[in-house]
Amino acid sequence: MNYSDRYLRQIASLAPVDVMLADVAIRIQLSPTDYQHAIDHYHAINEWLEREGSPVAGLVRNFIRRAASPSARPSRVTRATTSSTST
């Protein structure tokens, strides 16, 4: 096909699956407001897990937010291992 617009030429050269994947990525991108809500919820959950009297206080070693922006790290929750020694 002969497209005069360079962006249309570039899009036409992509596989349909690439176009669909890019569309999904754009659609699931969080707005700045939704991103701030996610950060606020992250902090609330972290504080709740580590509150005094929590049954899991001290057991969650890493509580890292899920990637919602290119600079964010992937989500990961790991439990601290407790080693019991028998005598």
PDB file of N, CA and C in Angstrom:
ATOM      1  N   MET A   1       0.833  -1.178   0.000  1.00  0.00           N
ATOM      2  CA  MET A   1       0.000   0.000   0.000  1.00  0.00           C
ATOM      3  C   MET A   1       0.878   1.241   0.000  1.00  0.00           C
ATOM      4  N   ASN A   2       0.380   2.270  -0.589  1.00  0.00           N
ATOM      5  CA  ASN A   2       1.137   3.508  -0.677  1.00  0.00           C
ATOM      6  C   ASN A   2       0.512   4.555   0.247  1.00  0.00           C
ATOM      7  N   TYR A   3       1.110   4.720   1.419  1.00  0.00           N
ATOM      8  CA  TYR A   3       0.638   5.724   2.370  1.00  0.00           C
ATOM      9  C   TYR A   3       1.532   6.939   2.286  1.00  0.00           C
ATOM     10  N   SER A   4       0.931   8.122   2.212  1.00  0.00           N
ATOM     11  CA  SER A   4       1.728   9.344   2.139  1.00  0.00           C
ATOM     12  C   SER A   4       2.189   9.797   3.524  1.00  0.00           C
ATOM     13  N   ASP A   5       1.434   9.476   4.555  1.00  0.00           N
ATOM     14  CA  ASP A   5       1.794   9.863   5.912  1.00  0.00           C
ATOM     15  C   ASP A   5       2.793   8.860   6.472  1.00  0.00           C
ATOM     16  N   ARG A   6       3.894   9.355   7.028  1.00  0.00           N
ATOM     17  CA  ARG A   6       4.938   8.433   7.502  1.00  0.00           C
ATOM     18  C   ARG A   6       4.459   7.578   8.668  1.00  0.00           C
ATOM     19  N   TYR A   7       3.581   8.108   9.539  1.00  0.00           N
ATOM     20  CA  TYR A   7       3.084   7.313  10.664  1.00  0.00           C
ATOM     21  C   TYR A   7       2.162   6.193  10.180  1.00  0.00           C
ATOM     22  N   LEU A   8       1.357   6.479   9.179  1.00  0.00           N
ATOM     23  CA  LEU A   8       0.510   5.426   8.611  1.00  0.00           C
ATOM     24  C   LEU A   8       1.361   4.343   7.964  1.00  0.00           C
ATOM     25  N   ARG A   9       2.452   4.727   7.300  1.00  0.00           N
ATOM     26  CA  ARG A   9       3.358   3.732   6.715  1.00  0.00           C
ATOM     27  C   ARG A   9       3.963   2.857   7.809  1.00  0.00           C
ATOM     28  N   GLN A  10       4.353   3.499   8.905  1.00  0.00           N
ATOM     29  CA  GLN A  10       4.967   2.740   9.999  1.00  0.00           C
ATOM     30  C   GLN A  10       3.958   1.782  10.623  1.00  0.00           C
ATOM     31  N   ILE A  11       2.745   2.246  10.868  1.00  0.00           N
ATOM     32  CA  ILE A  11       1.712   1.396  11.459  1.00  0.00           C
ATOM     33  C   ILE A  11       1.363   0.251  10.520  1.00  0.00           C
ATOM     34  N   ALA A  12       1.281   0.541   9.223  1.00  0.00           N
ATOM     35  CA  ALA A  12       0.936  -0.494   8.243  1.00  0.00           C
ATOM     36  C   ALA A  12       1.993  -1.586   8.189  1.00  0.00           C
ATOM     37  N   SER A  13       3.230  -1.260   8.552  1.00  0.00           N
ATOM     38  CA  SER A  13       4.295  -2.263   8.498  1.00  0.00           C
ATOM     39  C   SER A  13       4.303  -3.173   9.728  1.00  0.00           C
ATOM     40  N   LEU A  14       3.542  -2.834  10.759  1.00  0.00           N
ATOM     41  CA  LEU A  14       3.515  -3.639  11.985  1.00  0.00           C
ATOM     42  C   LEU A  14       2.542  -4.811  11.838  1.00  0.00           C
ATOM     43  N   ALA A  15       2.833  -5.859  12.563  1.00  0.00           N
ATOM     44  CA  ALA A  15       1.928  -7.007  12.594  1.00  0.00           C
ATOM     45  C   ALA A  15       0.684  -6.629  13.397  1.00  0.00           C
ATOM     46  N   PRO A  16      -0.470  -7.191  13.056  1.00  0.00           N
ATOM     47  CA  PRO A  16      -1.702  -6.871  13.798  1.00  0.00           C
ATOM     48  C   PRO A  16      -1.582  -7.112  15.297  1.00  0.00           C
ATOM     49  N   VAL A  17      -0.861  -8.145  15.689  1.00  0.00           N
ATOM     50  CA  VAL A  17      -0.716  -8.426  17.113  1.00  0.00           C
ATOM     51  C   VAL A  17       0.065  -7.310  17.813  1.00  0.00           C
ATOM     52  N   ASP A  18       1.037  -6.713  17.130  1.00  0.00           N
ATOM     53  CA  ASP A  18       1.782  -5.601  17.718  1.00  0.00           C
ATOM     54  C   ASP A  18       0.892  -4.383  17.918  1.00  0.00           C
ATOM     55  N   VAL A  19       0.023  -4.119  16.954  1.00  0.00           N
ATOM     56  CA  VAL A  19      -0.905  -2.995  17.060  1.00  0.00           C
ATOM     57  C   VAL A  19      -1.879  -3.236  18.204  1.00  0.00           C
ATOM     58  N   MET A  20      -2.380  -4.471  18.335  1.00  0.00           N
ATOM     59  CA  MET A  20      -3.313  -4.796  19.421  1.00  0.00           C
ATOM     60  C   MET A  20      -2.634  -4.670  20.769  1.00  0.00           C
ATOM     61  N   LEU A  21      -1.402  -5.128  20.885  1.00  0.00           N
ATOM     62  CA  LEU A  21      -0.669  -5.044  22.148  1.00  0.00           C
ATOM     63  C   LEU A  21      -0.436  -3.580  22.538  1.00  0.00           C
ATOM     64  N   ALA A  22      -0.064  -2.753  21.578  1.00  0.00           N
ATOM     65  CA  ALA A  22       0.132  -1.332  21.858  1.00  0.00           C
ATOM     66  C   ALA A  22      -1.180  -0.685  22.297  1.00  0.00           C
ATOM     67  N   ASP A  23      -2.276  -1.073  21.672  1.00  0.00           N
ATOM     68  CA  ASP A  23      -3.589  -0.535  22.039  1.00  0.00           C
ATOM     69  C   ASP A  23      -3.943  -0.902  23.479  1.00  0.00           C
ATOM     70  N   VAL A  24      -3.703  -2.149  23.856  1.00  0.00           N
ATOM     71  CA  VAL A  24      -3.982  -2.593  25.227  1.00  0.00           C
ATOM     72  C   VAL A  24      -3.108  -1.824  26.215  1.00  0.00           C
ATOM     73  N   ALA A  25      -1.837  -1.654  25.890  1.00  0.00           N
ATOM     74  CA  ALA A  25      -0.927  -0.932  26.785  1.00  0.00           C
ATOM     75  C   ALA A  25      -1.401   0.500  27.014  1.00  0.00           C
ATOM     76  N   ILE A  26      -1.873   1.141  25.967  1.00  0.00           N
ATOM     77  CA  ILE A  26      -2.364   2.512  26.100  1.00  0.00           C
ATOM     78  C   ILE A  26      -3.633   2.550  26.929  1.00  0.00           C
ATOM     79  N   ARG A  27      -4.521   1.583  26.711  1.00  0.00           N
ATOM     80  CA  ARG A  27      -5.804   1.582  27.424  1.00  0.00           C
ATOM     81  C   ARG A  27      -5.671   1.300  28.912  1.00  0.00           C
ATOM     82  N   ILE A  28      -4.664   0.525  29.320  1.00  0.00           N
ATOM     83  CA  ILE A  28      -4.542   0.191  30.745  1.00  0.00           C
ATOM     84  C   ILE A  28      -3.647   1.161  31.503  1.00  0.00           C
ATOM     85  N   GLN A  29      -3.067   2.121  30.810  1.00  0.00           N
ATOM     86  CA  GLN A  29      -2.228   3.117  31.476  1.00  0.00           C
ATOM     87  C   GLN A  29      -3.065   3.909  32.480  1.00  0.00           C
ATOM     88  N   LEU A  30      -2.576   4.042  33.700  1.00  0.00           N
ATOM     89  CA  LEU A  30      -3.304   4.766  34.732  1.00  0.00           C
ATOM     90  C   LEU A  30      -3.179   6.274  34.540  1.00  0.00           C
ATOM     91  N   SER A  31      -4.264   6.960  34.838  1.00  0.00           N
ATOM     92  CA  SER A  31      -4.211   8.426  34.847  1.00  0.00           C
ATOM     93  C   SER A  31      -3.418   8.854  36.088  1.00  0.00           C
ATOM     94  N   PRO A  32      -2.923  10.089  36.123  1.00  0.00           N
ATOM     95  CA  PRO A  32      -2.200  10.547  37.317  1.00  0.00           C
ATOM     96  C   PRO A  32      -3.032  10.425  38.598  1.00  0.00           C
ATOM     97  N   THR A  33      -4.336  10.680  38.511  1.00  0.00           N
ATOM     98  CA  THR A  33      -5.205  10.569  39.685  1.00  0.00           C
ATOM     99  C   THR A  33      -5.312   9.125  40.149  1.00  0.00           C
ATOM    100  N   ASP A  34      -5.533   8.196  39.194  1.00  0.00           N
ATOM    101  CA  ASP A  34      -5.627   6.776  39.553  1.00  0.00           C
ATOM    102  C   ASP A  34      -4.296   6.254  40.089  1.00  0.00           C
ATOM    103  N   TYR A  35      -3.205   6.746  39.530  1.00  0.00           N
ATOM    104  CA  TYR A  35      -1.892   6.341  40.015  1.00  0.00           C
ATOM    105  C   TYR A  35      -1.700   6.784  41.464  1.00  0.00           C
ATOM    106  N   GLN A  36      -2.115   8.011  41.791  1.00  0.00           N
ATOM    107  CA  GLN A  36      -1.997   8.505  43.163  1.00  0.00           C
ATOM    108  C   GLN A  36      -2.866   7.691  44.111  1.00  0.00           C
ATOM    109  N   HIS A  37      -4.067   7.299  43.652  1.00  0.00           N
ATOM    110  CA  HIS A  37      -4.926   6.434  44.475  1.00  0.00           C
ATOM    111  C   HIS A  37      -4.226   5.104  44.750  1.00  0.00           C
ATOM    112  N   ALA A  38      -3.572   4.555  43.740  1.00  0.00           N
ATOM    113  CA  ALA A  38      -2.859   3.284  43.914  1.00  0.00           C
ATOM    114  C   ALA A  38      -1.726   3.426  44.925  1.00  0.00           C
ATOM    115  N   ILE A  39      -0.991   4.529  44.859  1.00  0.00           N
ATOM    116  CA  ILE A  39       0.091   4.775  45.809  1.00  0.00           C
ATOM    117  C   ILE A  39      -0.461   4.915  47.225  1.00  0.00           C
ATOM    118  N   ASP A  40      -1.576   5.640  47.367  1.00  0.00           N
ATOM    119  CA  ASP A  40      -2.202   5.805  48.679  1.00  0.00           C
ATOM    120  C   ASP A  40      -2.650   4.459  49.239  1.00  0.00           C
ATOM    121  N   HIS A  41      -3.219   3.605  48.389  1.00  0.00           N
ATOM    122  CA  HIS A  41      -3.647   2.277  48.837  1.00  0.00           C
ATOM    123  C   HIS A  41      -2.450   1.414  49.227  1.00  0.00           C
ATOM    124  N   TYR A  42      -1.372   1.531  48.469  1.00  0.00           N
ATOM    125  CA  TYR A  42      -0.146   0.803  48.793  1.00  0.00           C
ATOM    126  C   TYR A  42       0.334   1.160  50.198  1.00  0.00           C
ATOM    127  N   HIS A  43       0.374   2.456  50.494  1.00  0.00           N
ATOM    128  CA  HIS A  43       0.826   2.890  51.819  1.00  0.00           C
ATOM    129  C   HIS A  43      -0.133   2.426  52.914  1.00  0.00           C
ATOM    130  N   ALA A  44      -1.432   2.473  52.647  1.00  0.00           N
ATOM    131  CA  ALA A  44      -2.417   2.038  53.642  1.00  0.00           C
ATOM    132  C   ALA A  44      -2.265   0.550  53.937  1.00  0.00           C
ATOM    133  N   ILE A  45      -2.080  -0.257  52.904  1.00  0.00           N
ATOM    134  CA  ILE A  45      -1.916  -1.708  53.103  1.00  0.00           C
ATOM    135  C   ILE A  45      -0.632  -1.985  53.871  1.00  0.00           C
ATOM    136  N   ASN A  46       0.436  -1.307  53.509  1.00  0.00           N
ATOM    137  CA  ASN A  46       1.715  -1.512  54.190  1.00  0.00           C
ATOM    138  C   ASN A  46       1.607  -1.150  55.671  1.00  0.00           C
ATOM    139  N   GLU A  47       0.965  -0.020  55.968  1.00  0.00           N
ATOM    140  CA  GLU A  47       0.786   0.377  57.368  1.00  0.00           C
ATOM    141  C   GLU A  47      -0.093  -0.623  58.117  1.00  0.00           C
ATOM    142  N   TRP A  48      -1.133  -1.133  57.446  1.00  0.00           N
ATOM    143  CA  TRP A  48      -2.034  -2.093  58.088  1.00  0.00           C
ATOM    144  C   TRP A  48      -1.308  -3.402  58.386  1.00  0.00           C
ATOM    145  N   LEU A  49      -0.480  -3.855  57.458  1.00  0.00           N
ATOM    146  CA  LEU A  49       0.259  -5.101  57.679  1.00  0.00           C
ATOM    147  C   LEU A  49       1.244  -4.976  58.834  1.00  0.00           C
ATOM    148  N   GLU A  50       1.839  -3.815  58.993  1.00  0.00           N
ATOM    149  CA  GLU A  50       2.876  -3.623  60.003  1.00  0.00           C
ATOM    150  C   GLU A  50       2.371  -2.985  61.289  1.00  0.00           C
ATOM    151  N   ARG A  51       1.057  -2.837  61.424  1.00  0.00           N
ATOM    152  CA  ARG A  51       0.511  -2.196  62.622  1.00  0.00           C
ATOM    153  C   ARG A  51       0.787  -3.045  63.859  1.00  0.00           C
ATOM    154  N   GLU A  52       0.759  -2.408  65.011  1.00  0.00           N
ATOM    155  CA  GLU A  52       0.956  -3.117  66.275  1.00  0.00           C
ATOM    156  C   GLU A  52      -0.202  -4.088  66.473  1.00  0.00           C
ATOM    157  N   GLY A  53       0.090  -5.306  66.780  1.00  0.00           N
ATOM    158  CA  GLY A  53      -0.920  -6.327  66.996  1.00  0.00           C
ATOM    159  C   GLY A  53      -1.296  -7.098  65.741  1.00  0.00           C
ATOM    160  N   SER A  54      -0.715  -6.766  64.611  1.00  0.00           N
ATOM    161  CA  SER A  54      -1.008  -7.476  63.373  1.00  0.00           C
ATOM    162  C   SER A  54      -0.421  -8.879  63.433  1.00  0.00           C
ATOM    163  N   PRO A  55      -1.178  -9.897  63.015  1.00  0.00           N
ATOM    164  CA  PRO A  55      -0.632 -11.250  63.046  1.00  0.00           C
ATOM    165  C   PRO A  55       0.512 -11.463  62.051  1.00  0.00           C
ATOM    166  N   VAL A  56       0.659 -10.550  61.085  1.00  0.00           N
ATOM    167  CA  VAL A  56       1.745 -10.689  60.114  1.00  0.00           C
ATOM    168  C   VAL A  56       2.834  -9.633  60.296  1.00  0.00           C
ATOM    169  N   ALA A  57       2.752  -8.853  61.362  1.00  0.00           N
ATOM    170  CA  ALA A  57       3.772  -7.826  61.616  1.00  0.00           C
ATOM    171  C   ALA A  57       5.141  -8.490  61.710  1.00  0.00           C
ATOM    172  N   GLY A  58       6.076  -7.996  60.950  1.00  0.00           N
ATOM    173  CA  GLY A  58       7.424  -8.542  60.954  1.00  0.00           C
ATOM    174  C   GLY A  58       7.623  -9.735  60.042  1.00  0.00           C
ATOM    175  N   LEU A  59       6.547 -10.276  59.475  1.00  0.00           N
ATOM    176  CA  LEU A  59       6.675 -11.430  58.584  1.00  0.00           C
ATOM    177  C   LEU A  59       6.819 -11.030  57.124  1.00  0.00           C
ATOM    178  N   VAL A  60       6.394  -9.843  56.775  1.00  0.00           N
ATOM    179  CA  VAL A  60       6.515  -9.377  55.392  1.00  0.00           C
ATOM    180  C   VAL A  60       7.809  -8.585  55.298  1.00  0.00           C
ATOM    181  N   ARG A  61       8.750  -9.156  54.573  1.00  0.00           N
ATOM    182  CA  ARG A  61      10.063  -8.525  54.460  1.00  0.00           C
ATOM    183  C   ARG A  61      10.053  -7.419  53.414  1.00  0.00           C
ATOM    184  N   ASN A  62       9.501  -7.679  52.251  1.00  0.00           N
ATOM    185  CA  ASN A  62       9.459  -6.697  51.165  1.00  0.00           C
ATOM    186  C   ASN A  62       8.023  -6.543  50.686  1.00  0.00           C
ATOM    187  N   PHE A  63       7.562  -5.337  50.650  1.00  0.00           N
ATOM    188  CA  PHE A  63       6.237  -5.033  50.106  1.00  0.00           C
ATOM    189  C   PHE A  63       6.448  -3.902  49.116  1.00  0.00           C
ATOM    190  N   ILE A  64       6.565  -4.269  47.841  1.00  0.00           N
ATOM    191  CA  ILE A  64       6.934  -3.310  46.811  1.00  0.00           C
ATOM    192  C   ILE A  64       5.757  -3.133  45.872  1.00  0.00           C
ATOM    193  N   ARG A  65       5.468  -1.876  45.527  1.00  0.00           N
ATOM    194  CA  ARG A  65       4.309  -1.615  44.678  1.00  0.00           C
ATOM    195  C   ARG A  65       4.473  -2.228  43.301  1.00  0.00           C
ATOM    196  N   ARG A  66       3.347  -2.533  42.698  1.00  0.00           N
ATOM    197  CA  ARG A  66       3.315  -3.086  41.351  1.00  0.00           C
ATOM    198  C   ARG A  66       3.641  -1.985  40.353  1.00  0.00           C
ATOM    199  N   ALA A  67       4.254  -2.353  39.249  1.00  0.00           N
ATOM    200  CA  ALA A  67       4.630  -1.366  38.238  1.00  0.00           C
ATOM    201  C   ALA A  67       3.397  -0.721  37.620  1.00  0.00           C
ATOM    202  N   ALA A  68       3.234   0.576  37.884  1.00  0.00           N
ATOM    203  CA  ALA A  68       2.141   1.331  37.282  1.00  0.00           C
ATOM    204  C   ALA A  68       2.691   2.443  36.420  1.00  0.00           C
ATOM    205  N   SER A  69       3.972   2.616  36.478  1.00  0.00           N
ATOM    206  CA  SER A  69       4.626   3.601  35.632  1.00  0.00           C
ATOM    207  C   SER A  69       5.968   2.996  35.226  1.00  0.00           C
ATOM    208  N   PRO A  70       6.587   3.521  34.177  1.00  0.00           N
ATOM    209  CA  PRO A  70       7.851   2.935  33.728  1.00  0.00           C
ATOM    210  C   PRO A  70       8.937   2.930  34.792  1.00  0.00           C
ATOM    211  N   SER A  71       8.886   3.851  35.759  1.00  0.00           N
ATOM    212  CA  SER A  71       9.950   3.916  36.760  1.00  0.00           C
ATOM    213  C   SER A  71       9.677   3.048  37.984  1.00  0.00           C
ATOM    214  N   ALA A  72       8.480   2.491  38.091  1.00  0.00           N
ATOM    215  CA  ALA A  72       8.123   1.694  39.266  1.00  0.00           C
ATOM    216  C   ALA A  72       8.671   0.280  39.137  1.00  0.00           C
ATOM    217  N   ARG A  73       8.893  -0.352  40.270  1.00  0.00           N
ATOM    218  CA  ARG A  73       9.383  -1.729  40.287  1.00  0.00           C
ATOM    219  C   ARG A  73       8.206  -2.704  40.274  1.00  0.00           C
ATOM    220  N   PRO A  74       8.453  -3.940  39.893  1.00  0.00           N
ATOM    221  CA  PRO A  74       7.393  -4.945  39.956  1.00  0.00           C
ATOM    222  C   PRO A  74       6.989  -5.238  41.402  1.00  0.00           C
ATOM    223  N   SER A  75       5.773  -5.732  41.573  1.00  0.00           N
ATOM    224  CA  SER A  75       5.265  -6.047  42.902  1.00  0.00           C
ATOM    225  C   SER A  75       5.920  -7.319  43.417  1.00  0.00           C
ATOM    226  N   ARG A  76       6.231  -7.307  44.682  1.00  0.00           N
ATOM    227  CA  ARG A  76       6.828  -8.508  45.259  1.00  0.00           C
ATOM    228  C   ARG A  76       6.597  -8.479  46.758  1.00  0.00           C
ATOM    229  N   VAL A  77       6.044  -9.534  47.287  1.00  0.00           N
ATOM    230  CA  VAL A  77       5.882  -9.679  48.725  1.00  0.00           C
ATOM    231  C   VAL A  77       6.597 -10.963  49.100  1.00  0.00           C
ATOM    232  N   THR A  78       7.548 -10.842  49.989  1.00  0.00           N
ATOM    233  CA  THR A  78       8.260 -12.039  50.436  1.00  0.00           C
ATOM    234  C   THR A  78       8.132 -12.143  51.944  1.00  0.00           C
ATOM    235  N   ARG A  79       8.031 -13.327  52.411  1.00  0.00           N
ATOM    236  CA  ARG A  79       7.929 -13.554  53.849  1.00  0.00           C
ATOM    237  C   ARG A  79       9.314 -13.717  54.449  1.00  0.00           C
ATOM    238  N   ALA A  80       9.456 -13.164  55.608  1.00  0.00           N
ATOM    239  CA  ALA A  80      10.717 -13.363  56.334  1.00  0.00           C
ATOM    240  C   ALA A  80      10.738 -14.808  56.816  1.00  0.00           C
ATOM    241  N   THR A  81      11.858 -15.436  56.680  1.00  0.00           N
ATOM    242  CA  THR A  81      11.946 -16.813  57.123  1.00  0.00           C
ATOM    243  C   THR A  81      12.344 -16.851  58.588  1.00  0.00           C
ATOM    244  N   THR A  82      11.666 -17.681  59.314  1.00  0.00           N
ATOM    245  CA  THR A  82      12.024 -17.850  60.721  1.00  0.00           C
ATOM    246  C   THR A  82      12.636 -19.228  60.881  1.00  0.00           C
ATOM    247  N   SER A  83      13.808 -19.262  61.408  1.00  0.00           N
ATOM    248  CA  SER A  83      14.466 -20.554  61.597  1.00  0.00           C
ATOM    249  C   SER A  83      14.354 -20.926  63.064  1.00  0.00           C
ATOM    250  N   SER A  84      13.836 -22.095  63.276  1.00  0.00           N
ATOM    251  CA  SER A  84      13.713 -22.580  64.658  1.00  0.00           C
ATOM    252  C   SER A  84      14.875 -23.519  64.947  1.00  0.00           C
ATOM    253  N   THR A  85      15.417 -23.376  66.091  1.00  0.00           N
ATOM    254  CA  THR A  85      16.531 -24.248  66.469  1.00  0.00           C
ATOM    255  C   THR A  85      16.042 -25.228  67.524  1.00  0.00           C
ATOM    256  N   SER A  86      16.317 -26.444  67.308  1.00  0.00           N
ATOM    257  CA  SER A  86      15.914 -27.460  68.293  1.00  0.00           C
ATOM    258  C   SER A  86      17.117 -27.844  69.126  1.00  0.00           C
ATOM    259  N   THR A  87      16.866 -28.066  70.398  1.00  0.00           N
ATOM    260  CA  THR A  87      17.965 -28.415  71.284  1.00  0.00           C
ATOM    261  C   THR A  87      17.847 -29.830  71.760  1.00  0.00           C
TER     262      THR A  87
END
